[in-house]
C-alpha atoms as a PDB file:
ATOM      1  CA  MET A   1     132.474  16.644 110.413  1.00  0.00           C
ATOM      2  CA  GLU A   2     135.408  18.276 109.226  1.00  0.00           C
ATOM      3  CA  PHE A   3     135.262  22.243 109.440  1.00  0.00           C
ATOM      4  CA  LYS A   4     137.414  23.647 106.824  1.00  0.00           C
ATOM      5  CA  LYS A   5     139.887  26.429 107.906  1.00  0.00           C
ATOM      6  CA  ASP A   6     139.911  28.333 104.593  1.00  0.00           C
ATOM      7  CA  LEU A   7     136.682  28.538 102.350  1.00  0.00           C
ATOM      8  CA  SER A   8     138.239  31.202  99.876  1.00  0.00           C
ATOM      9  CA  LYS A   9     140.372  28.672  98.695  1.00  0.00           C
ATOM     10  CA  LEU A  10     137.664  26.541  97.475  1.00  0.00           C
ATOM     11  CA  SER A  11     135.853  26.662  94.177  1.00  0.00           C
ATOM     12  CA  TYR A  12     132.053  27.106  94.083  1.00  0.00           C
ATOM     13  CA  GLU A  13     131.725  23.781  93.388  1.00  0.00           C
ATOM     14  CA  GLU A  14     134.136  22.377  96.504  1.00  0.00           C
ATOM     15  CA  LEU A  15     131.908  24.943  98.377  1.00  0.00           C
ATOM     16  CA  GLU A  16     128.410  23.730  97.338  1.00  0.00           C
ATOM     17  CA  LYS A  17     129.759  19.868  98.582  1.00  0.00           C
ATOM     18  CA  GLU A  18     130.372  21.383 101.648  1.00  0.00           C
ATOM     19  CA  ALA A  19     126.880  22.989 101.922  1.00  0.00           C
ATOM     20  CA  ASP A  20     125.473  19.495 100.924  1.00  0.00           C
ATOM     21  CA  LEU A  21     127.331  18.097 104.258  1.00  0.00           C
ATOM     22  CA  VAL A  22     125.970  20.841 106.603  1.00  0.00           C
ATOM     23  CA  LEU A  23     122.235  19.729 105.318  1.00  0.00           C
ATOM     24  CA  THR A  24     123.031  16.531 105.776  1.00  0.00           C
ATOM     25  CA  GLU A  25     124.658  16.863 109.305  1.00  0.00           C
ATOM     26  CA  LEU A  26     121.915  19.207 110.410  1.00  0.00           C
ATOM     27  CA  ASN A  27     118.991  16.684 109.450  1.00  0.00           C
ATOM     28  CA  LYS A  28     120.644  13.961 111.420  1.00  0.00           C
ATOM     29  CA  SER A  29     118.288  13.190 114.154  1.00  0.00           C
ATOM     30  CA  ASP A  30     121.235  12.245 116.945  1.00  0.00           C
ATOM     31  CA  ILE A  31     123.262  15.492 116.117  1.00  0.00           C
ATOM     32  CA  SER A  32     123.618  17.518 119.758  1.00  0.00           C
ATOM     33  CA  LEU A  33     122.722  20.868 120.149  1.00  0.00           C
ATOM     34  CA  ASP A  34     126.187  21.880 120.554  1.00  0.00           C
ATOM     35  CA  MET A  35     127.462  20.192 117.500  1.00  0.00           C
ATOM     36  CA  SER A  36     124.460  21.420 115.610  1.00  0.00           C
ATOM     37  CA  THR A  37     125.225  25.119 116.636  1.00  0.00           C
ATOM     38  CA  LYS A  38     128.708  24.616 115.052  1.00  0.00           C
ATOM     39  CA  VAL A  39     127.544  23.244 111.863  1.00  0.00           C
ATOM     40  CA  TYR A  40     125.185  25.776 111.340  1.00  0.00           C
ATOM     41  CA  GLU A  41     127.741  28.580 111.949  1.00  0.00           C
ATOM     42  CA  TYR A  42     130.054  26.946 109.696  1.00  0.00           C
ATOM     43  CA  GLY A  43     126.958  26.835 107.511  1.00  0.00           C
ATOM     44  CA  LYS A  44     127.120  30.445 107.355  1.00  0.00           C
ATOM     45  CA  LYS A  45     130.362  31.075 106.503  1.00  0.00           C
ATOM     46  CA  ILE A  46     129.722  28.966 103.537  1.00  0.00           C
ATOM     47  CA  ALA A  47     127.282  30.704 102.206  1.00  0.00           C
ATOM     48  CA  LYS A  48     129.014  33.933 102.862  1.00  0.00           C
ATOM     49  CA  ALA A  49     131.825  32.370 100.675  1.00  0.00           C
ATOM     50  CA  MET A  50     129.522  31.179  98.064  1.00  0.00           C
ATOM     51  CA  ASP A  51     127.728  34.758  97.879  1.00  0.00           C
ATOM     52  CA  SER A  52     131.262  36.269  97.697  1.00  0.00           C
ATOM     53  CA  THR A  53     132.657  33.933  94.825  1.00  0.00           C
ATOM     54  CA  LEU A  54     129.353  34.712  92.544  1.00  0.00           C
ATOM     55  CA  LYS A  55     130.087  38.717  93.431  1.00  0.00           C
ATOM     56  CA  GLN A  56     133.775  37.995  92.155  1.00  0.00           C
ATOM     57  CA  LEU A  57     132.826  36.053  89.280  1.00  0.00           C
ATOM     58  CA  GLN A  58     129.734  38.375  88.002  1.00  0.00           C
ATOM     59  CA  LYS A  59     132.402  41.328  88.147  1.00  0.00           C
ATOM     60  CA  GLU A  60     135.206  39.218  85.955  1.00  0.00           C
ATOM     61  CA  VAL A  61     132.487  38.601  83.484  1.00  0.00           C
ATOM     62  CA  THR A  62     131.238  42.537  83.862  1.00  0.00           C
ATOM     63  CA  ASP A  63     134.619  43.742  82.812  1.00  0.00           C
ATOM     64  CA  THR A  64     135.528  40.895  80.419  1.00  0.00           C
ATOM     65  CA  VAL A  65     131.714  42.255  78.672  1.00  0.00           C
ATOM     66  CA  GLU A  66     132.742  46.050  79.113  1.00  0.00           C
END
């Protein structure tokens, strides 16, 4: 699995695809503990990036409405 360096440049949809890849990787029965830990940490970074993206979009929508 390839870990992208700068998640902040990805769109929300691209982050969703990365999250799906993480889940697929973690569901493999032959994944090592070391790799599963790395994939899990990457998944946490993706979740944080997704949250940040949603907050930014919410702010943009709120600013537009007001």
